Amino acid sequence: MTVPEVSVDESAQLAREGALLLDVRNDDEWTAGHAPDATYMTLSQVPARCGELPRDRRIVAICRVGGRSAKATELLVAQGYDVVNMVGGMQAWAAAGLPVVTDAGDPGTVI
């Protein structure tokens, strides 16, 4: 299966248009910083919790560099979700100058 992918810029545009950003990194990575308004669910939780995700919105899966989110994308596509993988992950997001925040809304970092 070819995993559908989008760039960081396309991901940011999709988010502005209403797509759900799904961050599938580990707890420490999420806590250090994430995209504003992203939804958090570790990759290991995706199979059991995918029913919590909307079926009427595009989903952009995100991790640190793109590997885990590609696995999440594969899993969710197989379940019938409209989902794409963000190439480059949060490292690319931060490098593009897009905001990275903590849960408190303070500036965050990508680890």
PDB file of N, CA and C in Angstrom:
ATOM      1  N   MET A   1       0.843  -1.191   0.000  1.00  0.00           N
ATOM      2  CA  MET A   1       0.000   0.000   0.000  1.00  0.00           C
ATOM      3  C   MET A   1       0.883   1.247   0.000  1.00  0.00           C
ATOM      4  N   THR A   2       0.548   2.181  -0.853  1.00  0.00           N
ATOM      5  CA  THR A   2       1.229   3.472  -0.858  1.00  0.00           C
ATOM      6  C   THR A   2       0.513   4.388   0.121  1.00  0.00           C
ATOM      7  N   VAL A   3       1.276   4.932   1.054  1.00  0.00           N
ATOM      8  CA  VAL A   3       0.710   5.815   2.071  1.00  0.00           C
ATOM      9  C   VAL A   3       0.513   7.204   1.464  1.00  0.00           C
ATOM     10  N   PRO A   4      -0.706   7.753   1.521  1.00  0.00           N
ATOM     11  CA  PRO A   4      -0.910   9.111   1.015  1.00  0.00           C
ATOM     12  C   PRO A   4      -0.170  10.118   1.887  1.00  0.00           C
ATOM     13  N   GLU A   5       0.575  11.017   1.243  1.00  0.00           N
ATOM     14  CA  GLU A   5       1.417  11.968   1.967  1.00  0.00           C
ATOM     15  C   GLU A   5       1.145  13.400   1.537  1.00  0.00           C
ATOM     16  N   VAL A   6       1.398  14.302   2.469  1.00  0.00           N
ATOM     17  CA  VAL A   6       1.324  15.734   2.191  1.00  0.00           C
ATOM     18  C   VAL A   6       2.534  16.408   2.827  1.00  0.00           C
ATOM     19  N   SER A   7       2.890  17.562   2.296  1.00  0.00           N
ATOM     20  CA  SER A   7       3.991  18.342   2.843  1.00  0.00           C
ATOM     21  C   SER A   7       3.533  19.099   4.090  1.00  0.00           C
ATOM     22  N   VAL A   8       4.499  19.715   4.759  1.00  0.00           N
ATOM     23  CA  VAL A   8       4.181  20.544   5.923  1.00  0.00           C
ATOM     24  C   VAL A   8       3.260  21.693   5.510  1.00  0.00           C
ATOM     25  N   ASP A   9       3.590  22.365   4.420  1.00  0.00           N
ATOM     26  CA  ASP A   9       2.758  23.485   3.967  1.00  0.00           C
ATOM     27  C   ASP A   9       1.344  23.027   3.643  1.00  0.00           C
ATOM     28  N   GLU A  10       1.225  21.886   2.964  1.00  0.00           N
ATOM     29  CA  GLU A  10      -0.108  21.358   2.651  1.00  0.00           C
ATOM     30  C   GLU A  10      -0.855  20.991   3.937  1.00  0.00           C
ATOM     31  N   SER A  11      -0.124  20.450   4.905  1.00  0.00           N
ATOM     32  CA  SER A  11      -0.741  20.083   6.192  1.00  0.00           C
ATOM     33  C   SER A  11      -1.296  21.308   6.903  1.00  0.00           C
ATOM     34  N   ALA A  12      -0.499  22.371   6.936  1.00  0.00           N
ATOM     35  CA  ALA A  12      -0.950  23.608   7.586  1.00  0.00           C
ATOM     36  C   ALA A  12      -2.187  24.156   6.884  1.00  0.00           C
ATOM     37  N   GLN A  13      -2.198  24.089   5.559  1.00  0.00           N
ATOM     38  CA  GLN A  13      -3.364  24.558   4.808  1.00  0.00           C
ATOM     39  C   GLN A  13      -4.581  23.680   5.093  1.00  0.00           C
ATOM     40  N   LEU A  14      -4.388  22.367   5.118  1.00  0.00           N
ATOM     41  CA  LEU A  14      -5.499  21.463   5.431  1.00  0.00           C
ATOM     42  C   LEU A  14      -6.062  21.752   6.822  1.00  0.00           C
ATOM     43  N   ALA A  15      -5.179  22.024   7.782  1.00  0.00           N
ATOM     44  CA  ALA A  15      -5.638  22.354   9.145  1.00  0.00           C
ATOM     45  C   ALA A  15      -6.464  23.631   9.124  1.00  0.00           C
ATOM     46  N   ARG A  16      -6.022  24.630   8.368  1.00  0.00           N
ATOM     47  CA  ARG A  16      -6.795  25.884   8.269  1.00  0.00           C
ATOM     48  C   ARG A  16      -8.162  25.638   7.649  1.00  0.00           C
ATOM     49  N   GLU A  17      -8.245  24.628   6.790  1.00  0.00           N
ATOM     50  CA  GLU A  17      -9.507  24.297   6.118  1.00  0.00           C
ATOM     51  C   GLU A  17     -10.366  23.332   6.928  1.00  0.00           C
ATOM     52  N   GLY A  18      -9.908  22.950   8.134  1.00  0.00           N
ATOM     53  CA  GLY A  18     -10.730  22.117   9.000  1.00  0.00           C
ATOM     54  C   GLY A  18     -10.269  20.693   9.212  1.00  0.00           C
ATOM     55  N   ALA A  19      -9.137  20.307   8.635  1.00  0.00           N
ATOM     56  CA  ALA A  19      -8.638  18.949   8.870  1.00  0.00           C
ATOM     57  C   ALA A  19      -8.204  18.790  10.324  1.00  0.00           C
ATOM     58  N   LEU A  20      -8.279  17.572  10.813  1.00  0.00           N
ATOM     59  CA  LEU A  20      -7.841  17.246  12.163  1.00  0.00           C
ATOM     60  C   LEU A  20      -6.368  16.848  12.114  1.00  0.00           C
ATOM     61  N   LEU A  21      -5.534  17.502  12.923  1.00  0.00           N
ATOM     62  CA  LEU A  21      -4.142  17.100  13.063  1.00  0.00           C
ATOM     63  C   LEU A  21      -4.078  16.043  14.163  1.00  0.00           C
ATOM     64  N   LEU A  22      -3.606  14.861  13.823  1.00  0.00           N
ATOM     65  CA  LEU A  22      -3.523  13.750  14.777  1.00  0.00           C
ATOM     66  C   LEU A  22      -2.060  13.461  15.074  1.00  0.00           C
ATOM     67  N   ASP A  23      -1.627  13.799  16.274  1.00  0.00           N
ATOM     68  CA  ASP A  23      -0.246  13.597  16.704  1.00  0.00           C
ATOM     69  C   ASP A  23      -0.147  12.225  17.360  1.00  0.00           C
ATOM     70  N   VAL A  24       0.706  11.349  16.803  1.00  0.00           N
ATOM     71  CA  VAL A  24       0.810   9.975  17.300  1.00  0.00           C
ATOM     72  C   VAL A  24       2.151   9.702  17.992  1.00  0.00           C
ATOM     73  N   ARG A  25       2.814  10.753  18.467  1.00  0.00           N
ATOM     74  CA  ARG A  25       4.100  10.587  19.150  1.00  0.00           C
ATOM     75  C   ARG A  25       3.902  10.080  20.584  1.00  0.00           C
ATOM     76  N   ASN A  26       5.011   9.891  21.272  1.00  0.00           N
ATOM     77  CA  ASN A  26       4.978   9.442  22.667  1.00  0.00           C
ATOM     78  C   ASN A  26       4.656  10.599  23.604  1.00  0.00           C
ATOM     79  N   ASP A  27       4.314  10.272  24.849  1.00  0.00           N
ATOM     80  CA  ASP A  27       3.911  11.281  25.835  1.00  0.00           C
ATOM     81  C   ASP A  27       4.950  12.387  26.017  1.00  0.00           C
ATOM     82  N   ASP A  28       6.228  12.026  26.151  1.00  0.00           N
ATOM     83  CA  ASP A  28       7.251  13.047  26.395  1.00  0.00           C
ATOM     84  C   ASP A  28       7.393  13.993  25.202  1.00  0.00           C
ATOM     85  N   GLU A  29       7.233  13.466  23.999  1.00  0.00           N
ATOM     86  CA  GLU A  29       7.315  14.304  22.800  1.00  0.00           C
ATOM     87  C   GLU A  29       6.136  15.276  22.744  1.00  0.00           C
ATOM     88  N   TRP A  30       4.936  14.765  23.012  1.00  0.00           N
ATOM     89  CA  TRP A  30       3.736  15.604  23.012  1.00  0.00           C
ATOM     90  C   TRP A  30       3.847  16.705  24.065  1.00  0.00           C
ATOM     91  N   THR A  31       4.280  16.327  25.268  1.00  0.00           N
ATOM     92  CA  THR A  31       4.379  17.275  26.373  1.00  0.00           C
ATOM     93  C   THR A  31       5.365  18.398  26.057  1.00  0.00           C
ATOM     94  N   ALA A  32       6.463  18.066  25.379  1.00  0.00           N
ATOM     95  CA  ALA A  32       7.474  19.082  25.044  1.00  0.00           C
ATOM     96  C   ALA A  32       6.922  20.116  24.068  1.00  0.00           C
ATOM     97  N   GLY A  33       6.073  19.691  23.158  1.00  0.00           N
ATOM     98  CA  GLY A  33       5.480  20.635  22.209  1.00  0.00           C
ATOM     99  C   GLY A  33       4.790  19.942  21.054  1.00  0.00           C
ATOM    100  N   HIS A  34       3.728  20.560  20.584  1.00  0.00           N
ATOM    101  CA  HIS A  34       2.916  20.009  19.501  1.00  0.00           C
ATOM    102  C   HIS A  34       2.275  21.147  18.718  1.00  0.00           C
ATOM    103  N   ALA A  35       1.667  20.813  17.606  1.00  0.00           N
ATOM    104  CA  ALA A  35       0.946  21.812  16.815  1.00  0.00           C
ATOM    105  C   ALA A  35      -0.284  22.271  17.592  1.00  0.00           C
ATOM    106  N   PRO A  36      -0.597  23.558  17.545  1.00  0.00           N
ATOM    107  CA  PRO A  36      -1.815  24.035  18.212  1.00  0.00           C
ATOM    108  C   PRO A  36      -3.040  23.284  17.677  1.00  0.00           C
ATOM    109  N   ASP A  37      -3.964  22.990  18.555  1.00  0.00           N
ATOM    110  CA  ASP A  37      -5.224  22.331  18.201  1.00  0.00           C
ATOM    111  C   ASP A  37      -5.079  20.894  17.719  1.00  0.00           C
ATOM    112  N   ALA A  38      -3.881  20.307  17.828  1.00  0.00           N
ATOM    113  CA  ALA A  38      -3.719  18.904  17.438  1.00  0.00           C
ATOM    114  C   ALA A  38      -4.425  18.008  18.451  1.00  0.00           C
ATOM    115  N   THR A  39      -4.836  16.848  17.983  1.00  0.00           N
ATOM    116  CA  THR A  39      -5.398  15.806  18.834  1.00  0.00           C
ATOM    117  C   THR A  39      -4.292  14.805  19.108  1.00  0.00           C
ATOM    118  N   TYR A  40      -4.230  14.323  20.338  1.00  0.00           N
ATOM    119  CA  TYR A  40      -3.146  13.422  20.727  1.00  0.00           C
ATOM    120  C   TYR A  40      -3.644  12.011  20.963  1.00  0.00           C
ATOM    121  N   MET A  41      -2.928  11.065  20.359  1.00  0.00           N
ATOM    122  CA  MET A  41      -3.221   9.640  20.523  1.00  0.00           C
ATOM    123  C   MET A  41      -1.940   8.912  20.123  1.00  0.00           C
ATOM    124  N   THR A  42      -1.285   8.213  21.045  1.00  0.00           N
ATOM    125  CA  THR A  42      -0.059   7.521  20.661  1.00  0.00           C
ATOM    126  C   THR A  42      -0.358   6.492  19.569  1.00  0.00           C
ATOM    127  N   LEU A  43       0.661   6.160  18.811  1.00  0.00           N
ATOM    128  CA  LEU A  43       0.491   5.165  17.754  1.00  0.00           C
ATOM    129  C   LEU A  43      -0.081   3.869  18.307  1.00  0.00           C
ATOM    130  N   SER A  44       0.385   3.458  19.475  1.00  0.00           N
ATOM    131  CA  SER A  44      -0.110   2.202  20.058  1.00  0.00           C
ATOM    132  C   SER A  44      -1.587   2.283  20.452  1.00  0.00           C
ATOM    133  N   GLN A  45      -2.101   3.486  20.661  1.00  0.00           N
ATOM    134  CA  GLN A  45      -3.505   3.654  21.030  1.00  0.00           C
ATOM    135  C   GLN A  45      -4.436   3.720  19.820  1.00  0.00           C
ATOM    136  N   VAL A  46      -3.888   3.999  18.650  1.00  0.00           N
ATOM    137  CA  VAL A  46      -4.729   4.224  17.463  1.00  0.00           C
ATOM    138  C   VAL A  46      -5.681   3.057  17.183  1.00  0.00           C
ATOM    139  N   PRO A  47      -5.238   1.800  17.196  1.00  0.00           N
ATOM    140  CA  PRO A  47      -6.191   0.726  16.888  1.00  0.00           C
ATOM    141  C   PRO A  47      -7.406   0.691  17.826  1.00  0.00           C
ATOM    142  N   ALA A  48      -7.170   0.886  19.115  1.00  0.00           N
ATOM    143  CA  ALA A  48      -8.265   0.803  20.088  1.00  0.00           C
ATOM    144  C   ALA A  48      -9.108   2.067  20.140  1.00  0.00           C
ATOM    145  N   ARG A  49      -8.514   3.219  19.789  1.00  0.00           N
ATOM    146  CA  ARG A  49      -9.220   4.490  19.949  1.00  0.00           C
ATOM    147  C   ARG A  49      -9.642   5.138  18.626  1.00  0.00           C
ATOM    148  N   CYS A  50      -9.432   4.471  17.508  1.00  0.00           N
ATOM    149  CA  CYS A  50      -9.736   5.119  16.222  1.00  0.00           C
ATOM    150  C   CYS A  50     -11.214   5.498  16.096  1.00  0.00           C
ATOM    151  N   GLY A  51     -12.083   4.838  16.834  1.00  0.00           N
ATOM    152  CA  GLY A  51     -13.498   5.190  16.806  1.00  0.00           C
ATOM    153  C   GLY A  51     -13.780   6.582  17.342  1.00  0.00           C
ATOM    154  N   GLU A  52     -12.821   7.172  18.064  1.00  0.00           N
ATOM    155  CA  GLU A  52     -12.961   8.542  18.571  1.00  0.00           C
ATOM    156  C   GLU A  52     -12.684   9.589  17.495  1.00  0.00           C
ATOM    157  N   LEU A  53     -12.138   9.150  16.366  1.00  0.00           N
ATOM    158  CA  LEU A  53     -11.760  10.086  15.305  1.00  0.00           C
ATOM    159  C   LEU A  53     -12.933  10.341  14.367  1.00  0.00           C
ATOM    160  N   PRO A  54     -13.012  11.550  13.823  1.00  0.00           N
ATOM    161  CA  PRO A  54     -14.127  11.879  12.928  1.00  0.00           C
ATOM    162  C   PRO A  54     -13.986  11.195  11.576  1.00  0.00           C
ATOM    163  N   ARG A  55     -15.093  10.775  11.038  1.00  0.00           N
ATOM    164  CA  ARG A  55     -15.099  10.194   9.689  1.00  0.00           C
ATOM    165  C   ARG A  55     -15.494  11.224   8.643  1.00  0.00           C
ATOM    166  N   ASP A  56     -15.920  12.408   9.103  1.00  0.00           N
ATOM    167  CA  ASP A  56     -16.388  13.440   8.175  1.00  0.00           C
ATOM    168  C   ASP A  56     -15.362  14.555   7.969  1.00  0.00           C
ATOM    169  N   ARG A  57     -14.139  14.347   8.410  1.00  0.00           N
ATOM    170  CA  ARG A  57     -13.063  15.334   8.236  1.00  0.00           C
ATOM    171  C   ARG A  57     -11.802  14.613   7.797  1.00  0.00           C
ATOM    172  N   ARG A  58     -11.008  15.282   7.010  1.00  0.00           N
ATOM    173  CA  ARG A  58      -9.697  14.741   6.670  1.00  0.00           C
ATOM    174  C   ARG A  58      -8.832  14.763   7.920  1.00  0.00           C
ATOM    175  N   ILE A  59      -7.984  13.770   8.058  1.00  0.00           N
ATOM    176  CA  ILE A  59      -7.053  13.661   9.174  1.00  0.00           C
ATOM    177  C   ILE A  59      -5.636  13.734   8.621  1.00  0.00           C
ATOM    178  N   VAL A  60      -4.800  14.532   9.286  1.00  0.00           N
ATOM    179  CA  VAL A  60      -3.379  14.605   8.948  1.00  0.00           C
ATOM    180  C   VAL A  60      -2.625  13.980  10.113  1.00  0.00           C
ATOM    181  N   ALA A  61      -1.988  12.833   9.868  1.00  0.00           N
ATOM    182  CA  ALA A  61      -1.234  12.142  10.911  1.00  0.00           C
ATOM    183  C   ALA A  61       0.176  12.732  10.992  1.00  0.00           C
ATOM    184  N   ILE A  62       0.627  12.944  12.238  1.00  0.00           N
ATOM    185  CA  ILE A  62       1.911  13.602  12.488  1.00  0.00           C
ATOM    186  C   ILE A  62       2.679  12.830  13.562  1.00  0.00           C
ATOM    187  N   CYS A  63       3.995  12.706  13.372  1.00  0.00           N
ATOM    188  CA  CYS A  63       4.864  12.207  14.436  1.00  0.00           C
ATOM    189  C   CYS A  63       6.126  13.078  14.437  1.00  0.00           C
ATOM    190  N   ARG A  64       7.247  12.538  14.820  1.00  0.00           N
ATOM    191  CA  ARG A  64       8.467  13.353  14.894  1.00  0.00           C
ATOM    192  C   ARG A  64       9.061  13.592  13.510  1.00  0.00           C
ATOM    193  N   VAL A  65       9.206  12.509  12.705  1.00  0.00           N
ATOM    194  CA  VAL A  65       9.804  12.655  11.374  1.00  0.00           C
ATOM    195  C   VAL A  65       8.967  12.036  10.256  1.00  0.00           C
ATOM    196  N   GLY A  66       7.923  11.296  10.579  1.00  0.00           N
ATOM    197  CA  GLY A  66       7.041  10.753   9.549  1.00  0.00           C
ATOM    198  C   GLY A  66       6.870   9.245   9.528  1.00  0.00           C
ATOM    199  N   GLY A  67       7.666   8.500  10.279  1.00  0.00           N
ATOM    200  CA  GLY A  67       7.566   7.041  10.264  1.00  0.00           C
ATOM    201  C   GLY A  67       6.369   6.487  11.010  1.00  0.00           C
ATOM    202  N   ARG A  68       6.205   6.898  12.255  1.00  0.00           N
ATOM    203  CA  ARG A  68       5.064   6.411  13.040  1.00  0.00           C
ATOM    204  C   ARG A  68       3.753   6.893  12.454  1.00  0.00           C
ATOM    205  N   SER A  69       3.739   8.132  11.978  1.00  0.00           N
ATOM    206  CA  SER A  69       2.498   8.650  11.400  1.00  0.00           C
ATOM    207  C   SER A  69       2.161   7.928  10.095  1.00  0.00           C
ATOM    208  N   ALA A  70       3.166   7.442   9.373  1.00  0.00           N
ATOM    209  CA  ALA A  70       2.888   6.648   8.168  1.00  0.00           C
ATOM    210  C   ALA A  70       2.186   5.348   8.559  1.00  0.00           C
ATOM    211  N   LYS A  71       2.627   4.741   9.665  1.00  0.00           N
ATOM    212  CA  LYS A  71       1.973   3.518  10.145  1.00  0.00           C
ATOM    213  C   LYS A  71       0.539   3.807  10.577  1.00  0.00           C
ATOM    214  N   ALA A  72       0.336   4.936  11.273  1.00  0.00           N
ATOM    215  CA  ALA A  72      -1.020   5.324  11.683  1.00  0.00           C
ATOM    216  C   ALA A  72      -1.887   5.578  10.461  1.00  0.00           C
ATOM    217  N   THR A  73      -1.318   6.216   9.451  1.00  0.00           N
ATOM    218  CA  THR A  73      -2.065   6.486   8.217  1.00  0.00           C
ATOM    219  C   THR A  73      -2.502   5.183   7.563  1.00  0.00           C
ATOM    220  N   GLU A  74      -1.590   4.239   7.441  1.00  0.00           N
ATOM    221  CA  GLU A  74      -1.926   2.929   6.863  1.00  0.00           C
ATOM    222  C   GLU A  74      -3.078   2.280   7.619  1.00  0.00           C
ATOM    223  N   LEU A  75      -2.960   2.269   8.923  1.00  0.00           N
ATOM    224  CA  LEU A  75      -3.975   1.653   9.768  1.00  0.00           C
ATOM    225  C   LEU A  75      -5.341   2.318   9.579  1.00  0.00           C
ATOM    226  N   LEU A  76      -5.346   3.649   9.572  1.00  0.00           N
ATOM    227  CA  LEU A  76      -6.615   4.380   9.473  1.00  0.00           C
ATOM    228  C   LEU A  76      -7.212   4.316   8.074  1.00  0.00           C
ATOM    229  N   VAL A  77      -6.375   4.334   7.032  1.00  0.00           N
ATOM    230  CA  VAL A  77      -6.881   4.182   5.663  1.00  0.00           C
ATOM    231  C   VAL A  77      -7.583   2.825   5.535  1.00  0.00           C
ATOM    232  N   ALA A  78      -6.979   1.790   6.128  1.00  0.00           N
ATOM    233  CA  ALA A  78      -7.579   0.453   6.075  1.00  0.00           C
ATOM    234  C   ALA A  78      -8.933   0.411   6.780  1.00  0.00           C
ATOM    235  N   GLN A  79      -9.158   1.326   7.721  1.00  0.00           N
ATOM    236  CA  GLN A  79     -10.435   1.413   8.439  1.00  0.00           C
ATOM    237  C   GLN A  79     -11.420   2.367   7.760  1.00  0.00           C
ATOM    238  N   GLY A  80     -11.022   2.926   6.612  1.00  0.00           N
ATOM    239  CA  GLY A  80     -11.926   3.775   5.844  1.00  0.00           C
ATOM    240  C   GLY A  80     -11.861   5.257   6.148  1.00  0.00           C
ATOM    241  N   TYR A  81     -10.842   5.696   6.902  1.00  0.00           N
ATOM    242  CA  TYR A  81     -10.695   7.123   7.213  1.00  0.00           C
ATOM    243  C   TYR A  81     -10.013   7.850   6.061  1.00  0.00           C
ATOM    244  N   ASP A  82     -10.325   9.126   5.917  1.00  0.00           N
ATOM    245  CA  ASP A  82      -9.669  10.011   4.956  1.00  0.00           C
ATOM    246  C   ASP A  82      -8.462  10.613   5.675  1.00  0.00           C
ATOM    247  N   VAL A  83      -7.308   9.985   5.527  1.00  0.00           N
ATOM    248  CA  VAL A  83      -6.125  10.377   6.299  1.00  0.00           C
ATOM    249  C   VAL A  83      -4.895  10.425   5.409  1.00  0.00           C
ATOM    250  N   VAL A  84      -4.028  11.378   5.706  1.00  0.00           N
ATOM    251  CA  VAL A  84      -2.762  11.541   5.002  1.00  0.00           C
ATOM    252  C   VAL A  84      -1.639  11.675   6.029  1.00  0.00           C
ATOM    253  N   ASN A  85      -0.443  11.307   5.615  1.00  0.00           N
ATOM    254  CA  ASN A  85       0.733  11.396   6.468  1.00  0.00           C
ATOM    255  C   ASN A  85       1.496  12.680   6.154  1.00  0.00           C
ATOM    256  N   MET A  86       1.863  13.436   7.205  1.00  0.00           N
ATOM    257  CA  MET A  86       2.668  14.642   7.003  1.00  0.00           C
ATOM    258  C   MET A  86       4.143  14.259   6.925  1.00  0.00           C
ATOM    259  N   VAL A  87       4.737  14.463   5.773  1.00  0.00           N
ATOM    260  CA  VAL A  87       6.145  14.150   5.545  1.00  0.00           C
ATOM    261  C   VAL A  87       7.021  15.077   6.394  1.00  0.00           C
ATOM    262  N   GLY A  88       7.991  14.493   7.080  1.00  0.00           N
ATOM    263  CA  GLY A  88       8.931  15.288   7.869  1.00  0.00           C
ATOM    264  C   GLY A  88       8.520  15.508   9.302  1.00  0.00           C
ATOM    265  N   GLY A  89       7.265  15.223   9.646  1.00  0.00           N
ATOM    266  CA  GLY A  89       6.790  15.305  11.014  1.00  0.00           C
ATOM    267  C   GLY A  89       6.957  16.659  11.678  1.00  0.00           C
ATOM    268  N   MET A  90       6.934  16.620  12.993  1.00  0.00           N
ATOM    269  CA  MET A  90       7.027  17.859  13.770  1.00  0.00           C
ATOM    270  C   MET A  90       8.369  18.550  13.603  1.00  0.00           C
ATOM    271  N   GLN A  91       9.409  17.814  13.257  1.00  0.00           N
ATOM    272  CA  GLN A  91      10.689  18.467  12.987  1.00  0.00           C
ATOM    273  C   GLN A  91      10.542  19.409  11.795  1.00  0.00           C
ATOM    274  N   ALA A  92       9.877  18.956  10.747  1.00  0.00           N
ATOM    275  CA  ALA A  92       9.659  19.798   9.569  1.00  0.00           C
ATOM    276  C   ALA A  92       8.694  20.936   9.882  1.00  0.00           C
ATOM    277  N   TRP A  93       7.687  20.659  10.703  1.00  0.00           N
ATOM    278  CA  TRP A  93       6.705  21.679  11.109  1.00  0.00           C
ATOM    279  C   TRP A  93       7.430  22.841  11.794  1.00  0.00           C
ATOM    280  N   ALA A  94       8.262  22.511  12.781  1.00  0.00           N
ATOM    281  CA  ALA A  94       9.004  23.540  13.517  1.00  0.00           C
ATOM    282  C   ALA A  94      10.003  24.255  12.603  1.00  0.00           C
ATOM    283  N   ALA A  95      10.677  23.505  11.736  1.00  0.00           N
ATOM    284  CA  ALA A  95      11.655  24.098  10.818  1.00  0.00           C
ATOM    285  C   ALA A  95      10.998  25.070   9.842  1.00  0.00           C
ATOM    286  N   ALA A  96       9.716  24.854   9.553  1.00  0.00           N
ATOM    287  CA  ALA A  96       8.971  25.745   8.652  1.00  0.00           C
ATOM    288  C   ALA A  96       8.497  27.002   9.375  1.00  0.00           C
ATOM    289  N   GLY A  97       8.792  27.090  10.678  1.00  0.00           N
ATOM    290  CA  GLY A  97       8.388  28.267  11.445  1.00  0.00           C
ATOM    291  C   GLY A  97       6.954  28.233  11.921  1.00  0.00           C
ATOM    292  N   LEU A  98       6.317  27.067  11.841  1.00  0.00           N
ATOM    293  CA  LEU A  98       4.941  26.941  12.309  1.00  0.00           C
ATOM    294  C   LEU A  98       4.942  26.800  13.830  1.00  0.00           C
ATOM    295  N   PRO A  99       3.857  27.197  14.489  1.00  0.00           N
ATOM    296  CA  PRO A  99       3.860  27.214  15.953  1.00  0.00           C
ATOM    297  C   PRO A  99       3.930  25.828  16.593  1.00  0.00           C
ATOM    298  N   VAL A 100       4.689  25.767  17.671  1.00  0.00           N
ATOM    299  CA  VAL A 100       4.806  24.579  18.510  1.00  0.00           C
ATOM    300  C   VAL A 100       4.496  25.045  19.920  1.00  0.00           C
ATOM    301  N   VAL A 101       3.502  24.417  20.556  1.00  0.00           N
ATOM    302  CA  VAL A 101       3.046  24.862  21.881  1.00  0.00           C
ATOM    303  C   VAL A 101       2.960  23.685  22.858  1.00  0.00           C
ATOM    304  N   THR A 102       2.930  24.026  24.141  1.00  0.00           N
ATOM    305  CA  THR A 102       2.664  23.037  25.185  1.00  0.00           C
ATOM    306  C   THR A 102       1.155  23.010  25.420  1.00  0.00           C
ATOM    307  N   ASP A 103       0.702  22.104  26.272  1.00  0.00           N
ATOM    308  CA  ASP A 103      -0.729  22.056  26.608  1.00  0.00           C
ATOM    309  C   ASP A 103      -1.205  23.356  27.236  1.00  0.00           C
ATOM    310  N   ALA A 104      -0.293  24.072  27.931  1.00  0.00           N
ATOM    311  CA  ALA A 104      -0.640  25.342  28.570  1.00  0.00           C
ATOM    312  C   ALA A 104      -0.662  26.494  27.577  1.00  0.00           C
ATOM    313  N   GLY A 105      -0.268  26.213  26.322  1.00  0.00           N
ATOM    314  CA  GLY A 105      -0.255  27.279  25.322  1.00  0.00           C
ATOM    315  C   GLY A 105       1.052  28.047  25.255  1.00  0.00           C
ATOM    316  N   ASP A 106       2.031  27.639  26.062  1.00  0.00           N
ATOM    317  CA  ASP A 106       3.345  28.274  26.026  1.00  0.00           C
ATOM    318  C   ASP A 106       4.151  27.754  24.837  1.00  0.00           C
ATOM    319  N   PRO A 107       5.182  28.485  24.423  1.00  0.00           N
ATOM    320  CA  PRO A 107       6.027  27.969  23.341  1.00  0.00           C
ATOM    321  C   PRO A 107       6.624  26.603  23.718  1.00  0.00           C
ATOM    322  N   GLY A 108       6.590  25.694  22.788  1.00  0.00           N
ATOM    323  CA  GLY A 108       7.101  24.352  23.021  1.00  0.00           C
ATOM    324  C   GLY A 108       8.300  24.057  22.144  1.00  0.00           C
ATOM    325  N   THR A 109       8.813  22.845  22.291  1.00  0.00           N
ATOM    326  CA  THR A 109       9.944  22.396  21.491  1.00  0.00           C
ATOM    327  C   THR A 109       9.626  21.019  20.923  1.00  0.00           C
ATOM    328  N   VAL A 110      10.377  20.645  19.905  1.00  0.00           N
ATOM    329  CA  VAL A 110      10.233  19.315  19.317  1.00  0.00           C
ATOM    330  C   VAL A 110      11.433  18.493  19.749  1.00  0.00           C
ATOM    331  N   ILE A 111      11.148  17.385  20.418  1.00  0.00           N
ATOM    332  CA  ILE A 111      12.242  16.503  20.852  1.00  0.00           C
ATOM    333  C   ILE A 111      12.158  15.172  20.114  1.00  0.00           C
TER     334      ILE A 111
END
